Amino acid sequence: MKKLVYAPQGTCSSLITIQVKDGIVKNIAFTDGCPGNTQGVASLAAGMRVSEVIRRLKGIKCADKPTSCPDQLARALESLEE
């Protein structure tokens, strides 16, 4: 199992902890951010292929910000694929 601790940029969330096994997202935990939204995103992404989470979440913006917690999660997952 791979574990990644990622410091997002430009969001209310200060940390994203991700566990991935065999290309499948097993667990995601956001530190800070909007609790309902980050818990919802984490719950929906659990059990999905990393590539599918990236495809669905990359580029999502939060209000007038150029990024969002879902977008930062996608970027974190991209770093695992490199």
C-alpha atoms as a PDB file:
ATOM      1  CA  MET A   1       0.000   0.000   0.000  1.00  0.00           C
ATOM      2  CA  LYS A   2       1.315   3.433  -0.962  1.00  0.00           C
ATOM      3  CA  LYS A   3       0.708   6.343   1.403  1.00  0.00           C
ATOM      4  CA  LEU A   4       1.020   9.931   0.276  1.00  0.00           C
ATOM      5  CA  VAL A   5       0.831  13.017   2.460  1.00  0.00           C
ATOM      6  CA  TYR A   6       0.246  16.014   0.200  1.00  0.00           C
ATOM      7  CA  ALA A   7       0.233  19.720   1.073  1.00  0.00           C
ATOM      8  CA  PRO A   8      -2.357  21.335  -1.219  1.00  0.00           C
ATOM      9  CA  GLN A   9      -1.829  24.828  -2.575  1.00  0.00           C
ATOM     10  CA  GLY A  10      -4.498  27.536  -2.822  1.00  0.00           C
ATOM     11  CA  THR A  11      -7.221  25.770  -0.822  1.00  0.00           C
ATOM     12  CA  CYS A  12      -8.652  25.846   2.703  1.00  0.00           C
ATOM     13  CA  SER A  13      -7.434  22.286   3.205  1.00  0.00           C
ATOM     14  CA  SER A  14      -3.912  22.139   4.648  1.00  0.00           C
ATOM     15  CA  LEU A  15      -3.125  18.448   4.100  1.00  0.00           C
ATOM     16  CA  ILE A  16      -4.409  15.457   2.146  1.00  0.00           C
ATOM     17  CA  THR A  17      -3.453  11.952   3.241  1.00  0.00           C
ATOM     18  CA  ILE A  18      -4.073   9.269   0.622  1.00  0.00           C
ATOM     19  CA  GLN A  19      -3.684   5.495   0.650  1.00  0.00           C
ATOM     20  CA  VAL A  20      -3.595   3.617  -2.656  1.00  0.00           C
ATOM     21  CA  LYS A  21      -3.209  -0.101  -3.315  1.00  0.00           C
ATOM     22  CA  ASP A  22      -2.844  -1.622  -6.776  1.00  0.00           C
ATOM     23  CA  GLY A  23      -4.051   1.570  -8.463  1.00  0.00           C
ATOM     24  CA  ILE A  24      -7.213   1.786  -6.319  1.00  0.00           C
ATOM     25  CA  VAL A  25      -7.858   4.585  -3.830  1.00  0.00           C
ATOM     26  CA  LYS A  26      -8.369   2.983  -0.417  1.00  0.00           C
ATOM     27  CA  ASN A  27      -8.609   5.987   1.890  1.00  0.00           C
ATOM     28  CA  ILE A  28      -8.445   9.782   1.746  1.00  0.00           C
ATOM     29  CA  ALA A  29      -8.369  12.184   4.681  1.00  0.00           C
ATOM     30  CA  PHE A  30      -8.393  15.960   4.337  1.00  0.00           C
ATOM     31  CA  THR A  31      -7.112  18.174   7.145  1.00  0.00           C
ATOM     32  CA  ASP A  32      -9.097  21.419   7.361  1.00  0.00           C
ATOM     33  CA  GLY A  33     -11.254  22.613   4.483  1.00  0.00           C
ATOM     34  CA  CYS A  34     -15.056  22.354   4.293  1.00  0.00           C
ATOM     35  CA  PRO A  35     -15.794  19.185   6.298  1.00  0.00           C
ATOM     36  CA  GLY A  36     -18.911  18.061   4.436  1.00  0.00           C
ATOM     37  CA  ASN A  37     -17.380  18.615   1.015  1.00  0.00           C
ATOM     38  CA  THR A  38     -14.011  17.040   1.751  1.00  0.00           C
ATOM     39  CA  GLN A  39     -15.579  14.035   3.494  1.00  0.00           C
ATOM     40  CA  GLY A  40     -17.974  13.617   0.578  1.00  0.00           C
ATOM     41  CA  VAL A  41     -15.212  13.743  -2.023  1.00  0.00           C
ATOM     42  CA  ALA A  42     -13.104  11.304   0.018  1.00  0.00           C
ATOM     43  CA  SER A  43     -16.006   8.879   0.385  1.00  0.00           C
ATOM     44  CA  LEU A  44     -16.935   9.001  -3.303  1.00  0.00           C
ATOM     45  CA  ALA A  45     -13.326   8.477  -4.449  1.00  0.00           C
ATOM     46  CA  ALA A  46     -12.697   5.484  -2.170  1.00  0.00           C
ATOM     47  CA  GLY A  47     -12.684   2.288  -4.203  1.00  0.00           C
ATOM     48  CA  MET A  48     -12.120   4.066  -7.520  1.00  0.00           C
ATOM     49  CA  ARG A  49      -9.136   3.694  -9.823  1.00  0.00           C
ATOM     50  CA  VAL A  50      -6.630   6.510  -9.394  1.00  0.00           C
ATOM     51  CA  SER A  51      -6.898   7.410 -13.094  1.00  0.00           C
ATOM     52  CA  GLU A  52     -10.689   7.768 -12.842  1.00  0.00           C
ATOM     53  CA  VAL A  53     -10.490  10.037  -9.784  1.00  0.00           C
ATOM     54  CA  ILE A  54      -7.984  12.236 -11.634  1.00  0.00           C
ATOM     55  CA  ARG A  55     -10.187  12.335 -14.752  1.00  0.00           C
ATOM     56  CA  ARG A  56     -13.257  13.356 -12.781  1.00  0.00           C
ATOM     57  CA  LEU A  57     -11.720  15.901 -10.395  1.00  0.00           C
ATOM     58  CA  LYS A  58      -8.863  17.613 -12.238  1.00  0.00           C
ATOM     59  CA  GLY A  59      -9.620  21.224 -13.105  1.00  0.00           C
ATOM     60  CA  ILE A  60     -12.517  21.784 -10.681  1.00  0.00           C
ATOM     61  CA  LYS A  61     -12.407  25.314  -9.283  1.00  0.00           C
ATOM     62  CA  CYS A  62     -13.709  26.690  -5.988  1.00  0.00           C
ATOM     63  CA  ALA A  63     -15.485  30.029  -6.406  1.00  0.00           C
ATOM     64  CA  ASP A  64     -12.950  32.470  -7.898  1.00  0.00           C
ATOM     65  CA  LYS A  65      -9.902  30.371  -6.969  1.00  0.00           C
ATOM     66  CA  PRO A  66      -7.947  28.660  -9.759  1.00  0.00           C
ATOM     67  CA  THR A  67      -8.114  25.330  -7.888  1.00  0.00           C
ATOM     68  CA  SER A  68     -10.154  23.418  -5.284  1.00  0.00           C
ATOM     69  CA  CYS A  69      -9.786  20.567  -2.803  1.00  0.00           C
ATOM     70  CA  PRO A  70     -10.959  18.042  -5.447  1.00  0.00           C
ATOM     71  CA  ASP A  71      -8.481  19.490  -7.980  1.00  0.00           C
ATOM     72  CA  GLN A  72      -5.674  19.308  -5.421  1.00  0.00           C
ATOM     73  CA  LEU A  73      -6.590  15.681  -4.714  1.00  0.00           C
ATOM     74  CA  ALA A  74      -6.281  14.958  -8.448  1.00  0.00           C
ATOM     75  CA  ARG A  75      -2.884  16.662  -8.526  1.00  0.00           C
ATOM     76  CA  ALA A  76      -1.729  14.642  -5.523  1.00  0.00           C
ATOM     77  CA  LEU A  77      -2.821  11.423  -7.217  1.00  0.00           C
ATOM     78  CA  GLU A  78      -1.006  12.445 -10.405  1.00  0.00           C
ATOM     79  CA  SER A  79       2.221  12.573  -8.407  1.00  0.00           C
ATOM     80  CA  LEU A  80       1.717   8.884  -7.565  1.00  0.00           C
ATOM     81  CA  GLU A  81       1.476   7.994 -11.254  1.00  0.00           C
ATOM     82  CA  GLU A  82       4.785   9.637 -12.153  1.00  0.00           C
END
